[in-house]
Amino acid sequence: MNATQWRTFTEAALRSPRLVGAIAPSSSQLAERLATVVPDRGHPVVVELGPGTGAVTKVIAARLGGRGHQIAVEADTGMLSFFRQHHPGVSAHHADAADIQTVLEVEGHEHVDAVISGLPWTLFGHAKQQLLLERITEVLAPEGVFTTFAYLQGLALPAGRQYRRLLQRTFGEVLPTRTIWANMPPAITYVCRRPRR
């Protein structure tokens, strides 16, 4: 992580703490875990919500290896400007994650194979969490997968428990993974399949 990335991240966190919701960019270990859902064959469409400075983006791109279509949706203009400079091969859009369907229409896609989220779910109220998950399940292909992460200290908070229950109501399969202690702060990921529409 270079100084420019840290500065961009810190400025965004100070400017919009409810959009960033983190104290540091995702670690390489968390990025690798999140990107494991990228299909290893074919030409998948992969959407990343809240890519920030692109820690996970690089791993997604490496797994795709030039296949398919990689799309990013970022709400913070400062982060988006940095992101576009450093990840020119990714179709990056300035939009709220709830507008994922509109973004896909612009890109010429109806469904996606994977949605990878870096959004601060525990900072959202129940209505916002529900809206975002509804929009995500609307665009996921039948065999598509959604993955996101949660910080360990947030799991016991009301918003964290509420989010996990909502995931279990939204997907037929929700698999929490082991703790990534190398991340700051430590985190787990959720891998979710079989969206209930």
N, C-alpha and C. Protein backbone atom coordinates (compact mmCIF):
# COMPACT_ATOMS: atom_id res chain seq x y z
N MET A 1 0.85 -1.19 0.00
CA MET A 1 0.00 0.00 0.00
C MET A 1 0.89 1.24 0.00
N ASN A 2 0.83 2.03 -1.08
CA ASN A 2 1.68 3.21 -1.14
C ASN A 2 1.02 4.43 -0.47
N ALA A 3 1.79 5.51 -0.38
CA ALA A 3 1.32 6.70 0.34
C ALA A 3 0.09 7.31 -0.32
N THR A 4 0.04 7.29 -1.65
CA THR A 4 -1.10 7.87 -2.36
C THR A 4 -2.38 7.10 -2.06
N GLN A 5 -2.28 5.77 -2.02
CA GLN A 5 -3.44 4.95 -1.69
C GLN A 5 -3.93 5.24 -0.27
N TRP A 6 -3.00 5.33 0.67
CA TRP A 6 -3.37 5.62 2.06
C TRP A 6 -4.04 6.98 2.17
N ARG A 7 -3.47 7.97 1.48
CA ARG A 7 -4.04 9.31 1.54
C ARG A 7 -5.45 9.33 0.94
N THR A 8 -5.61 8.67 -0.20
CA THR A 8 -6.93 8.61 -0.85
C THR A 8 -7.94 7.93 0.07
N PHE A 9 -7.53 6.83 0.67
CA PHE A 9 -8.42 6.09 1.56
C PHE A 9 -8.78 6.93 2.78
N THR A 10 -7.78 7.56 3.41
CA THR A 10 -8.01 8.34 4.62
C THR A 10 -8.91 9.54 4.34
N GLU A 11 -8.67 10.21 3.22
CA GLU A 11 -9.52 11.35 2.87
C GLU A 11 -10.97 10.92 2.68
N ALA A 12 -11.17 9.79 2.00
CA ALA A 12 -12.54 9.30 1.79
C ALA A 12 -13.19 8.90 3.11
N ALA A 13 -12.42 8.27 4.00
CA ALA A 13 -12.96 7.85 5.29
C ALA A 13 -13.37 9.06 6.14
N LEU A 14 -12.58 10.13 6.07
CA LEU A 14 -12.91 11.33 6.82
C LEU A 14 -14.08 12.08 6.19
N ARG A 15 -14.12 12.07 4.87
CA ARG A 15 -15.17 12.79 4.14
C ARG A 15 -16.51 12.09 4.25
N SER A 16 -16.50 10.76 4.14
CA SER A 16 -17.75 9.99 4.12
C SER A 16 -17.61 8.72 4.96
N PRO A 17 -17.55 8.84 6.28
CA PRO A 17 -17.33 7.65 7.11
C PRO A 17 -18.41 6.59 6.97
N ARG A 18 -19.64 6.99 6.63
CA ARG A 18 -20.72 6.00 6.48
C ARG A 18 -20.67 5.30 5.12
N LEU A 19 -19.85 5.82 4.21
CA LEU A 19 -19.65 5.13 2.93
C LEU A 19 -18.45 4.20 3.00
N VAL A 20 -17.43 4.62 3.74
CA VAL A 20 -16.19 3.83 3.80
C VAL A 20 -16.30 2.78 4.91
N GLY A 21 -16.55 3.22 6.14
CA GLY A 21 -16.80 2.28 7.22
C GLY A 21 -15.65 1.38 7.60
N ALA A 22 -14.41 1.78 7.29
CA ALA A 22 -13.25 0.95 7.62
C ALA A 22 -12.13 1.85 8.12
N ILE A 23 -11.17 1.24 8.83
CA ILE A 23 -10.03 2.02 9.30
C ILE A 23 -8.79 1.79 8.43
N ALA A 24 -8.89 0.81 7.51
CA ALA A 24 -7.77 0.52 6.61
C ALA A 24 -8.31 -0.23 5.41
N PRO A 25 -7.62 -0.14 4.27
CA PRO A 25 -8.04 -0.92 3.11
C PRO A 25 -7.97 -2.42 3.41
N SER A 26 -8.69 -3.20 2.63
CA SER A 26 -8.69 -4.66 2.83
C SER A 26 -7.29 -5.23 2.67
N SER A 27 -6.95 -6.19 3.52
CA SER A 27 -5.66 -6.86 3.43
C SER A 27 -5.63 -7.78 2.21
N SER A 28 -4.43 -8.19 1.83
CA SER A 28 -4.31 -9.12 0.69
C SER A 28 -5.01 -10.44 1.00
N GLN A 29 -5.00 -10.85 2.28
CA GLN A 29 -5.65 -12.11 2.66
C GLN A 29 -7.17 -12.01 2.50
N LEU A 30 -7.75 -10.87 2.91
CA LEU A 30 -9.18 -10.67 2.74
C LEU A 30 -9.53 -10.57 1.26
N ALA A 31 -8.70 -9.86 0.51
CA ALA A 31 -8.94 -9.73 -0.93
C ALA A 31 -8.95 -11.09 -1.62
N GLU A 32 -8.00 -11.93 -1.27
CA GLU A 32 -7.94 -13.28 -1.86
C GLU A 32 -9.18 -14.08 -1.50
N ARG A 33 -9.61 -13.98 -0.26
CA ARG A 33 -10.79 -14.74 0.19
C ARG A 33 -12.04 -14.28 -0.58
N LEU A 34 -12.22 -12.97 -0.71
CA LEU A 34 -13.39 -12.45 -1.40
C LEU A 34 -13.39 -12.85 -2.88
N ALA A 35 -12.23 -12.85 -3.49
CA ALA A 35 -12.15 -13.11 -4.93
C ALA A 35 -12.25 -14.59 -5.30
N THR A 36 -12.27 -15.47 -4.31
CA THR A 36 -12.36 -16.90 -4.64
C THR A 36 -13.66 -17.26 -5.34
N VAL A 37 -14.68 -16.40 -5.24
CA VAL A 37 -15.96 -16.71 -5.89
C VAL A 37 -15.94 -16.42 -7.39
N VAL A 38 -14.89 -15.80 -7.90
CA VAL A 38 -14.81 -15.52 -9.34
C VAL A 38 -14.69 -16.85 -10.09
N PRO A 39 -15.61 -17.12 -11.01
CA PRO A 39 -15.53 -18.39 -11.76
C PRO A 39 -14.19 -18.55 -12.46
N ASP A 40 -13.67 -19.77 -12.46
CA ASP A 40 -12.35 -19.99 -13.05
C ASP A 40 -12.41 -20.44 -14.51
N ARG A 41 -13.60 -20.40 -15.10
CA ARG A 41 -13.72 -20.72 -16.53
C ARG A 41 -14.82 -19.88 -17.15
N GLY A 42 -14.84 -19.86 -18.47
CA GLY A 42 -15.85 -19.08 -19.18
C GLY A 42 -15.53 -17.60 -19.18
N HIS A 43 -16.56 -16.80 -19.42
CA HIS A 43 -16.41 -15.35 -19.50
C HIS A 43 -17.40 -14.68 -18.54
N PRO A 44 -17.11 -14.78 -17.25
CA PRO A 44 -18.06 -14.29 -16.24
C PRO A 44 -18.14 -12.77 -16.18
N VAL A 45 -19.31 -12.31 -15.72
CA VAL A 45 -19.51 -10.90 -15.41
C VAL A 45 -19.40 -10.78 -13.89
N VAL A 46 -18.46 -9.96 -13.43
CA VAL A 46 -18.20 -9.80 -12.00
C VAL A 46 -18.37 -8.33 -11.63
N VAL A 47 -19.20 -8.06 -10.63
CA VAL A 47 -19.42 -6.69 -10.16
C VAL A 47 -18.86 -6.56 -8.75
N GLU A 48 -18.07 -5.50 -8.55
CA GLU A 48 -17.54 -5.20 -7.22
C GLU A 48 -18.22 -3.94 -6.71
N LEU A 49 -18.84 -4.05 -5.55
CA LEU A 49 -19.51 -2.90 -4.93
C LEU A 49 -18.61 -2.29 -3.87
N GLY A 50 -18.36 -0.99 -3.98
CA GLY A 50 -17.48 -0.33 -3.01
C GLY A 50 -16.04 -0.78 -3.12
N PRO A 51 -15.41 -0.65 -4.30
CA PRO A 51 -14.04 -1.14 -4.47
C PRO A 51 -12.97 -0.32 -3.77
N GLY A 52 -13.31 0.91 -3.35
CA GLY A 52 -12.32 1.74 -2.66
C GLY A 52 -11.10 2.00 -3.53
N THR A 53 -9.92 1.75 -2.99
CA THR A 53 -8.69 1.98 -3.75
C THR A 53 -8.31 0.79 -4.62
N GLY A 54 -9.06 -0.31 -4.53
CA GLY A 54 -8.84 -1.42 -5.45
C GLY A 54 -8.06 -2.61 -4.92
N ALA A 55 -8.01 -2.78 -3.61
CA ALA A 55 -7.27 -3.92 -3.04
C ALA A 55 -7.83 -5.25 -3.53
N VAL A 56 -9.16 -5.36 -3.58
CA VAL A 56 -9.79 -6.60 -4.03
C VAL A 56 -9.82 -6.65 -5.56
N THR A 57 -9.93 -5.49 -6.18
CA THR A 57 -10.00 -5.38 -7.64
C THR A 57 -8.84 -6.09 -8.32
N LYS A 58 -7.64 -5.87 -7.79
CA LYS A 58 -6.44 -6.47 -8.40
C LYS A 58 -6.53 -8.00 -8.39
N VAL A 59 -7.04 -8.55 -7.31
CA VAL A 59 -7.13 -10.01 -7.20
C VAL A 59 -8.21 -10.54 -8.14
N ILE A 60 -9.34 -9.82 -8.24
CA ILE A 60 -10.38 -10.22 -9.18
C ILE A 60 -9.82 -10.25 -10.59
N ALA A 61 -9.11 -9.18 -10.97
CA ALA A 61 -8.53 -9.10 -12.31
C ALA A 61 -7.56 -10.24 -12.58
N ALA A 62 -6.77 -10.58 -11.58
CA ALA A 62 -5.81 -11.68 -11.74
C ALA A 62 -6.54 -13.01 -11.95
N ARG A 63 -7.62 -13.22 -11.21
CA ARG A 63 -8.39 -14.47 -11.35
C ARG A 63 -9.10 -14.53 -12.70
N LEU A 64 -9.55 -13.38 -13.19
CA LEU A 64 -10.21 -13.36 -14.49
C LEU A 64 -9.20 -13.57 -15.62
N GLY A 65 -8.02 -13.03 -15.45
CA GLY A 65 -6.99 -13.21 -16.47
C GLY A 65 -7.40 -12.74 -17.85
N GLY A 66 -8.13 -11.64 -17.90
CA GLY A 66 -8.56 -11.10 -19.19
C GLY A 66 -9.89 -11.65 -19.70
N ARG A 67 -10.46 -12.60 -18.98
CA ARG A 67 -11.76 -13.16 -19.38
C ARG A 67 -12.90 -12.28 -18.88
N GLY A 68 -14.05 -12.40 -19.49
CA GLY A 68 -15.26 -11.82 -18.96
C GLY A 68 -15.27 -10.30 -18.88
N HIS A 69 -16.03 -9.79 -17.92
CA HIS A 69 -16.23 -8.34 -17.79
C HIS A 69 -16.21 -7.99 -16.31
N GLN A 70 -15.31 -7.09 -15.94
CA GLN A 70 -15.16 -6.65 -14.55
C GLN A 70 -15.71 -5.24 -14.41
N ILE A 71 -16.68 -5.09 -13.50
CA ILE A 71 -17.37 -3.81 -13.31
C ILE A 71 -17.25 -3.40 -11.84
N ALA A 72 -17.07 -2.11 -11.61
CA ALA A 72 -16.99 -1.59 -10.24
C ALA A 72 -18.01 -0.48 -10.06
N VAL A 73 -18.62 -0.43 -8.86
CA VAL A 73 -19.59 0.61 -8.52
C VAL A 73 -19.10 1.29 -7.24
N GLU A 74 -18.78 2.57 -7.35
CA GLU A 74 -18.21 3.33 -6.22
C GLU A 74 -18.99 4.63 -6.03
N ALA A 75 -19.42 4.91 -4.79
CA ALA A 75 -20.23 6.10 -4.50
C ALA A 75 -19.38 7.32 -4.16
N ASP A 76 -18.14 7.12 -3.73
CA ASP A 76 -17.29 8.24 -3.33
C ASP A 76 -16.49 8.75 -4.53
N THR A 77 -16.64 10.04 -4.86
CA THR A 77 -16.00 10.58 -6.06
C THR A 77 -14.48 10.57 -5.98
N GLY A 78 -13.94 10.85 -4.78
CA GLY A 78 -12.48 10.84 -4.62
C GLY A 78 -11.90 9.46 -4.83
N MET A 79 -12.54 8.48 -4.23
CA MET A 79 -12.10 7.09 -4.41
C MET A 79 -12.22 6.69 -5.88
N LEU A 80 -13.32 7.09 -6.51
CA LEU A 80 -13.55 6.70 -7.90
C LEU A 80 -12.48 7.28 -8.82
N SER A 81 -12.10 8.54 -8.58
CA SER A 81 -11.06 9.16 -9.39
C SER A 81 -9.74 8.40 -9.28
N PHE A 82 -9.36 8.08 -8.05
CA PHE A 82 -8.15 7.28 -7.82
C PHE A 82 -8.27 5.91 -8.49
N PHE A 83 -9.42 5.29 -8.30
CA PHE A 83 -9.66 3.95 -8.84
C PHE A 83 -9.51 3.93 -10.36
N ARG A 84 -10.11 4.89 -11.02
CA ARG A 84 -10.05 4.92 -12.49
C ARG A 84 -8.63 5.11 -13.00
N GLN A 85 -7.83 5.89 -12.27
CA GLN A 85 -6.44 6.09 -12.67
C GLN A 85 -5.63 4.81 -12.55
N HIS A 86 -5.90 4.04 -11.51
CA HIS A 86 -5.08 2.87 -11.21
C HIS A 86 -5.64 1.55 -11.73
N HIS A 87 -6.90 1.56 -12.17
CA HIS A 87 -7.51 0.33 -12.70
C HIS A 87 -8.27 0.65 -13.99
N PRO A 88 -7.53 1.10 -15.01
CA PRO A 88 -8.19 1.54 -16.25
C PRO A 88 -8.90 0.41 -17.00
N GLY A 89 -8.56 -0.82 -16.72
CA GLY A 89 -9.19 -1.94 -17.41
C GLY A 89 -10.53 -2.35 -16.84
N VAL A 90 -10.95 -1.70 -15.75
CA VAL A 90 -12.22 -2.03 -15.10
C VAL A 90 -13.26 -0.96 -15.45
N SER A 91 -14.46 -1.38 -15.79
CA SER A 91 -15.56 -0.44 -16.07
C SER A 91 -16.06 0.10 -14.73
N ALA A 92 -15.68 1.34 -14.40
CA ALA A 92 -16.00 1.91 -13.10
C ALA A 92 -17.11 2.95 -13.21
N HIS A 93 -18.10 2.85 -12.33
CA HIS A 93 -19.26 3.73 -12.36
C HIS A 93 -19.42 4.48 -11.04
N HIS A 94 -19.76 5.76 -11.13
CA HIS A 94 -20.10 6.54 -9.93
C HIS A 94 -21.58 6.36 -9.69
N ALA A 95 -21.92 5.54 -8.70
CA ALA A 95 -23.32 5.22 -8.42
C ALA A 95 -23.44 4.62 -7.04
N ASP A 96 -24.65 4.65 -6.52
CA ASP A 96 -24.97 3.93 -5.29
C ASP A 96 -25.09 2.45 -5.65
N ALA A 97 -24.72 1.59 -4.72
CA ALA A 97 -24.80 0.15 -4.98
C ALA A 97 -26.22 -0.29 -5.30
N ALA A 98 -27.22 0.44 -4.80
CA ALA A 98 -28.61 0.10 -5.08
C ALA A 98 -28.96 0.28 -6.55
N ASP A 99 -28.11 0.98 -7.29
CA ASP A 99 -28.35 1.21 -8.72
C ASP A 99 -27.63 0.18 -9.59
N ILE A 100 -27.33 -0.97 -9.03
CA ILE A 100 -26.58 -1.98 -9.75
C ILE A 100 -27.26 -2.39 -11.06
N GLN A 101 -28.58 -2.47 -11.08
CA GLN A 101 -29.28 -2.88 -12.29
C GLN A 101 -29.11 -1.84 -13.40
N THR A 102 -29.17 -0.57 -13.04
CA THR A 102 -28.95 0.50 -14.02
C THR A 102 -27.55 0.44 -14.59
N VAL A 103 -26.57 0.21 -13.72
CA VAL A 103 -25.18 0.09 -14.17
C VAL A 103 -25.04 -1.07 -15.16
N LEU A 104 -25.67 -2.19 -14.85
CA LEU A 104 -25.59 -3.35 -15.74
C LEU A 104 -26.26 -3.06 -17.08
N GLU A 105 -27.36 -2.34 -17.06
CA GLU A 105 -28.02 -1.98 -18.32
C GLU A 105 -27.10 -1.14 -19.19
N VAL A 106 -26.40 -0.20 -18.58
CA VAL A 106 -25.43 0.63 -19.31
C VAL A 106 -24.34 -0.24 -19.92
N GLU A 107 -23.93 -1.26 -19.18
CA GLU A 107 -22.85 -2.14 -19.63
C GLU A 107 -23.35 -3.25 -20.58
N GLY A 108 -24.66 -3.35 -20.75
CA GLY A 108 -25.21 -4.33 -21.68
C GLY A 108 -25.36 -5.72 -21.10
N HIS A 109 -25.55 -5.81 -19.78
CA HIS A 109 -25.72 -7.11 -19.13
C HIS A 109 -27.04 -7.15 -18.36
N GLU A 110 -27.64 -8.33 -18.34
CA GLU A 110 -28.87 -8.50 -17.57
C GLU A 110 -28.58 -9.16 -16.23
N HIS A 111 -27.64 -10.12 -16.24
CA HIS A 111 -27.30 -10.86 -15.02
C HIS A 111 -25.79 -10.89 -14.82
N VAL A 112 -25.41 -11.17 -13.59
CA VAL A 112 -23.98 -11.28 -13.26
C VAL A 112 -23.71 -12.63 -12.62
N ASP A 113 -22.47 -13.06 -12.74
CA ASP A 113 -22.06 -14.35 -12.17
C ASP A 113 -21.58 -14.22 -10.74
N ALA A 114 -21.06 -13.05 -10.40
CA ALA A 114 -20.58 -12.84 -9.03
C ALA A 114 -20.69 -11.38 -8.65
N VAL A 115 -21.15 -11.13 -7.42
CA VAL A 115 -21.14 -9.79 -6.84
C VAL A 115 -20.26 -9.86 -5.60
N ILE A 116 -19.23 -9.03 -5.58
CA ILE A 116 -18.29 -8.99 -4.47
C ILE A 116 -18.42 -7.63 -3.79
N SER A 117 -18.74 -7.64 -2.51
CA SER A 117 -19.06 -6.40 -1.82
C SER A 117 -18.01 -5.98 -0.80
N GLY A 118 -17.68 -4.69 -0.86
CA GLY A 118 -16.83 -4.09 0.15
C GLY A 118 -17.60 -3.04 0.95
N LEU A 119 -18.93 -3.15 0.93
CA LEU A 119 -19.78 -2.16 1.59
C LEU A 119 -19.80 -2.33 3.11
N PRO A 120 -19.96 -1.23 3.85
CA PRO A 120 -20.00 -1.30 5.32
C PRO A 120 -21.41 -1.62 5.82
N TRP A 121 -21.82 -2.88 5.69
CA TRP A 121 -23.20 -3.29 5.94
C TRP A 121 -23.71 -2.92 7.33
N THR A 122 -22.86 -3.01 8.35
CA THR A 122 -23.35 -2.74 9.70
C THR A 122 -23.62 -1.26 9.95
N LEU A 123 -23.19 -0.39 9.05
CA LEU A 123 -23.49 1.03 9.17
C LEU A 123 -24.82 1.39 8.53
N PHE A 124 -25.42 0.44 7.81
CA PHE A 124 -26.70 0.69 7.15
C PHE A 124 -27.85 0.25 8.04
N GLY A 125 -28.95 0.96 7.95
CA GLY A 125 -30.16 0.55 8.64
C GLY A 125 -30.78 -0.66 7.95
N HIS A 126 -31.76 -1.26 8.61
CA HIS A 126 -32.39 -2.47 8.07
C HIS A 126 -32.96 -2.24 6.68
N ALA A 127 -33.64 -1.11 6.47
CA ALA A 127 -34.27 -0.85 5.17
C ALA A 127 -33.24 -0.77 4.05
N LYS A 128 -32.10 -0.13 4.33
CA LYS A 128 -31.04 -0.02 3.32
C LYS A 128 -30.41 -1.38 3.05
N GLN A 129 -30.15 -2.15 4.10
CA GLN A 129 -29.61 -3.50 3.92
C GLN A 129 -30.54 -4.33 3.04
N GLN A 130 -31.82 -4.29 3.35
CA GLN A 130 -32.80 -5.08 2.61
C GLN A 130 -32.88 -4.65 1.15
N LEU A 131 -32.91 -3.33 0.91
CA LEU A 131 -32.96 -2.82 -0.46
C LEU A 131 -31.76 -3.29 -1.27
N LEU A 132 -30.58 -3.16 -0.70
CA LEU A 132 -29.36 -3.55 -1.41
C LEU A 132 -29.37 -5.04 -1.75
N LEU A 133 -29.76 -5.87 -0.79
CA LEU A 133 -29.79 -7.31 -1.06
C LEU A 133 -30.85 -7.67 -2.10
N GLU A 134 -31.98 -6.98 -2.08
CA GLU A 134 -33.00 -7.21 -3.11
C GLU A 134 -32.46 -6.88 -4.49
N ARG A 135 -31.77 -5.75 -4.59
CA ARG A 135 -31.21 -5.34 -5.89
C ARG A 135 -30.13 -6.31 -6.36
N ILE A 136 -29.34 -6.80 -5.42
CA ILE A 136 -28.29 -7.76 -5.78
C ILE A 136 -28.89 -9.08 -6.26
N THR A 137 -29.89 -9.59 -5.54
CA THR A 137 -30.48 -10.87 -5.95
C THR A 137 -31.21 -10.75 -7.28
N GLU A 138 -31.72 -9.57 -7.60
CA GLU A 138 -32.41 -9.36 -8.87
C GLU A 138 -31.47 -9.55 -10.06
N VAL A 139 -30.19 -9.23 -9.88
CA VAL A 139 -29.26 -9.30 -11.01
C VAL A 139 -28.38 -10.54 -11.00
N LEU A 140 -28.38 -11.30 -9.92
CA LEU A 140 -27.57 -12.51 -9.88
C LEU A 140 -28.14 -13.59 -10.80
N ALA A 141 -27.27 -14.22 -11.57
CA ALA A 141 -27.68 -15.36 -12.37
C ALA A 141 -28.10 -16.49 -11.42
N PRO A 142 -28.92 -17.45 -11.90
CA PRO A 142 -29.37 -18.54 -11.01
C PRO A 142 -28.23 -19.25 -10.27
N GLU A 143 -27.10 -19.41 -10.92
CA GLU A 143 -25.94 -20.05 -10.28
C GLU A 143 -24.94 -19.02 -9.76
N GLY A 144 -25.36 -17.76 -9.71
CA GLY A 144 -24.46 -16.70 -9.28
C GLY A 144 -24.18 -16.75 -7.79
N VAL A 145 -23.15 -16.02 -7.39
CA VAL A 145 -22.74 -16.02 -5.98
C VAL A 145 -22.47 -14.59 -5.51
N PHE A 146 -22.83 -14.35 -4.27
CA PHE A 146 -22.59 -13.06 -3.63
C PHE A 146 -21.66 -13.28 -2.45
N THR A 147 -20.67 -12.42 -2.31
CA THR A 147 -19.79 -12.52 -1.15
C THR A 147 -19.51 -11.13 -0.58
N THR A 148 -19.38 -11.09 0.72
CA THR A 148 -19.09 -9.86 1.42
C THR A 148 -18.33 -10.20 2.70
N PHE A 149 -17.97 -9.18 3.46
CA PHE A 149 -17.24 -9.46 4.70
C PHE A 149 -17.85 -8.71 5.86
N ALA A 150 -17.50 -9.12 7.05
CA ALA A 150 -17.94 -8.45 8.27
C ALA A 150 -16.77 -8.44 9.25
N TYR A 151 -16.58 -7.31 9.90
CA TYR A 151 -15.52 -7.24 10.90
C TYR A 151 -15.94 -8.01 12.14
N LEU A 152 -14.98 -8.67 12.74
CA LEU A 152 -15.25 -9.56 13.87
C LEU A 152 -15.96 -8.84 15.01
N GLN A 153 -15.52 -7.62 15.30
CA GLN A 153 -16.12 -6.92 16.44
C GLN A 153 -17.55 -6.48 16.16
N GLY A 154 -17.97 -6.48 14.89
CA GLY A 154 -19.32 -6.06 14.55
C GLY A 154 -20.33 -7.19 14.53
N LEU A 155 -19.85 -8.44 14.61
CA LEU A 155 -20.76 -9.58 14.50
C LEU A 155 -21.78 -9.65 15.62
N ALA A 156 -21.39 -9.22 16.82
CA ALA A 156 -22.29 -9.30 17.97
C ALA A 156 -23.18 -8.07 18.11
N LEU A 157 -22.90 -7.03 17.33
CA LEU A 157 -23.73 -5.82 17.39
C LEU A 157 -25.10 -6.08 16.77
N PRO A 158 -26.13 -5.36 17.19
CA PRO A 158 -27.46 -5.57 16.62
C PRO A 158 -27.49 -5.51 15.09
N ALA A 159 -26.78 -4.54 14.49
CA ALA A 159 -26.77 -4.43 13.03
C ALA A 159 -26.08 -5.62 12.38
N GLY A 160 -25.05 -6.14 13.05
CA GLY A 160 -24.34 -7.32 12.52
C GLY A 160 -25.20 -8.56 12.58
N ARG A 161 -25.91 -8.76 13.70
CA ARG A 161 -26.81 -9.91 13.82
C ARG A 161 -27.99 -9.79 12.86
N GLN A 162 -28.50 -8.58 12.74
CA GLN A 162 -29.61 -8.32 11.83
C GLN A 162 -29.21 -8.64 10.39
N TYR A 163 -27.98 -8.23 10.02
CA TYR A 163 -27.51 -8.47 8.65
C TYR A 163 -27.37 -9.96 8.36
N ARG A 164 -26.85 -10.70 9.31
CA ARG A 164 -26.69 -12.14 9.09
C ARG A 164 -28.07 -12.82 8.94
N ARG A 165 -29.04 -12.44 9.74
CA ARG A 165 -30.38 -12.99 9.60
C ARG A 165 -30.97 -12.64 8.23
N LEU A 166 -30.72 -11.43 7.80
CA LEU A 166 -31.23 -11.00 6.50
C LEU A 166 -30.58 -11.80 5.37
N LEU A 167 -29.29 -12.05 5.48
CA LEU A 167 -28.61 -12.89 4.48
C LEU A 167 -29.26 -14.28 4.43
N GLN A 168 -29.54 -14.84 5.59
CA GLN A 168 -30.11 -16.19 5.64
C GLN A 168 -31.53 -16.24 5.08
N ARG A 169 -32.25 -15.13 5.16
CA ARG A 169 -33.58 -15.07 4.56
C ARG A 169 -33.50 -14.83 3.06
N THR A 170 -32.42 -14.21 2.60
CA THR A 170 -32.29 -13.81 1.20
C THR A 170 -31.68 -14.90 0.33
N PHE A 171 -30.84 -15.75 0.92
CA PHE A 171 -30.15 -16.79 0.16
C PHE A 171 -30.43 -18.16 0.75
N GLY A 172 -30.47 -19.16 -0.12
CA GLY A 172 -30.68 -20.53 0.33
C GLY A 172 -29.45 -21.11 1.00
N GLU A 173 -28.28 -20.54 0.70
CA GLU A 173 -27.03 -21.02 1.29
C GLU A 173 -26.18 -19.83 1.69
N VAL A 174 -25.83 -19.77 2.96
CA VAL A 174 -24.96 -18.71 3.48
C VAL A 174 -23.84 -19.38 4.26
N LEU A 175 -22.62 -19.27 3.76
CA LEU A 175 -21.48 -19.93 4.40
C LEU A 175 -20.52 -18.90 4.98
N PRO A 176 -20.47 -18.77 6.31
CA PRO A 176 -19.44 -17.90 6.90
C PRO A 176 -18.10 -18.63 6.88
N THR A 177 -17.03 -17.88 6.66
CA THR A 177 -15.71 -18.50 6.59
C THR A 177 -14.94 -18.22 7.88
N ARG A 178 -13.79 -18.85 8.00
CA ARG A 178 -12.97 -18.67 9.20
C ARG A 178 -12.45 -17.23 9.27
N THR A 179 -12.06 -16.82 10.44
CA THR A 179 -11.59 -15.46 10.67
C THR A 179 -10.27 -15.19 9.96
N ILE A 180 -10.18 -14.02 9.35
CA ILE A 180 -8.93 -13.57 8.73
C ILE A 180 -8.27 -12.62 9.74
N TRP A 181 -7.38 -13.17 10.52
CA TRP A 181 -6.76 -12.40 11.60
C TRP A 181 -5.78 -11.36 11.08
N ALA A 182 -5.25 -11.57 9.86
CA ALA A 182 -4.27 -10.63 9.30
C ALA A 182 -4.91 -9.34 8.82
N ASN A 183 -6.23 -9.31 8.73
CA ASN A 183 -6.90 -8.08 8.30
C ASN A 183 -6.98 -7.11 9.47
N MET A 184 -7.11 -5.81 9.16
CA MET A 184 -7.24 -4.80 10.20
C MET A 184 -8.55 -4.04 10.00
N PRO A 185 -9.56 -4.26 10.85
CA PRO A 185 -9.60 -5.26 11.93
C PRO A 185 -9.89 -6.65 11.37
N PRO A 186 -9.73 -7.70 12.21
CA PRO A 186 -10.01 -9.07 11.75
C PRO A 186 -11.44 -9.18 11.20
N ALA A 187 -11.59 -10.04 10.20
CA ALA A 187 -12.88 -10.14 9.52
C ALA A 187 -13.19 -11.58 9.13
N ILE A 188 -14.47 -11.83 8.86
CA ILE A 188 -14.90 -13.07 8.24
C ILE A 188 -15.56 -12.70 6.92
N THR A 189 -15.76 -13.69 6.06
CA THR A 189 -16.52 -13.45 4.84
C THR A 189 -17.74 -14.35 4.83
N TYR A 190 -18.74 -13.92 4.09
CA TYR A 190 -19.94 -14.72 3.83
C TYR A 190 -19.97 -15.05 2.35
N VAL A 191 -20.19 -16.31 2.02
CA VAL A 191 -20.37 -16.73 0.63
C VAL A 191 -21.82 -17.19 0.51
N CYS A 192 -22.57 -16.50 -0.36
CA CYS A 192 -24.02 -16.70 -0.42
C CYS A 192 -24.45 -17.15 -1.83
N ARG A 193 -25.23 -18.23 -1.86
CA ARG A 193 -25.72 -18.78 -3.13
C ARG A 193 -27.22 -19.04 -3.04
N ARG A 194 -27.79 -19.36 -4.19
CA ARG A 194 -29.22 -19.68 -4.33
C ARG A 194 -30.10 -18.54 -3.82
N PRO A 195 -30.04 -17.39 -4.52
CA PRO A 195 -30.87 -16.25 -4.10
C PRO A 195 -32.35 -16.55 -4.14
N ARG A 196 -33.05 -16.11 -3.11
CA ARG A 196 -34.51 -16.28 -3.05
C ARG A 196 -35.13 -14.99 -3.57
N ARG A 197 -35.74 -15.08 -4.72
CA ARG A 197 -36.31 -13.86 -5.34
C ARG A 197 -37.77 -13.72 -4.97
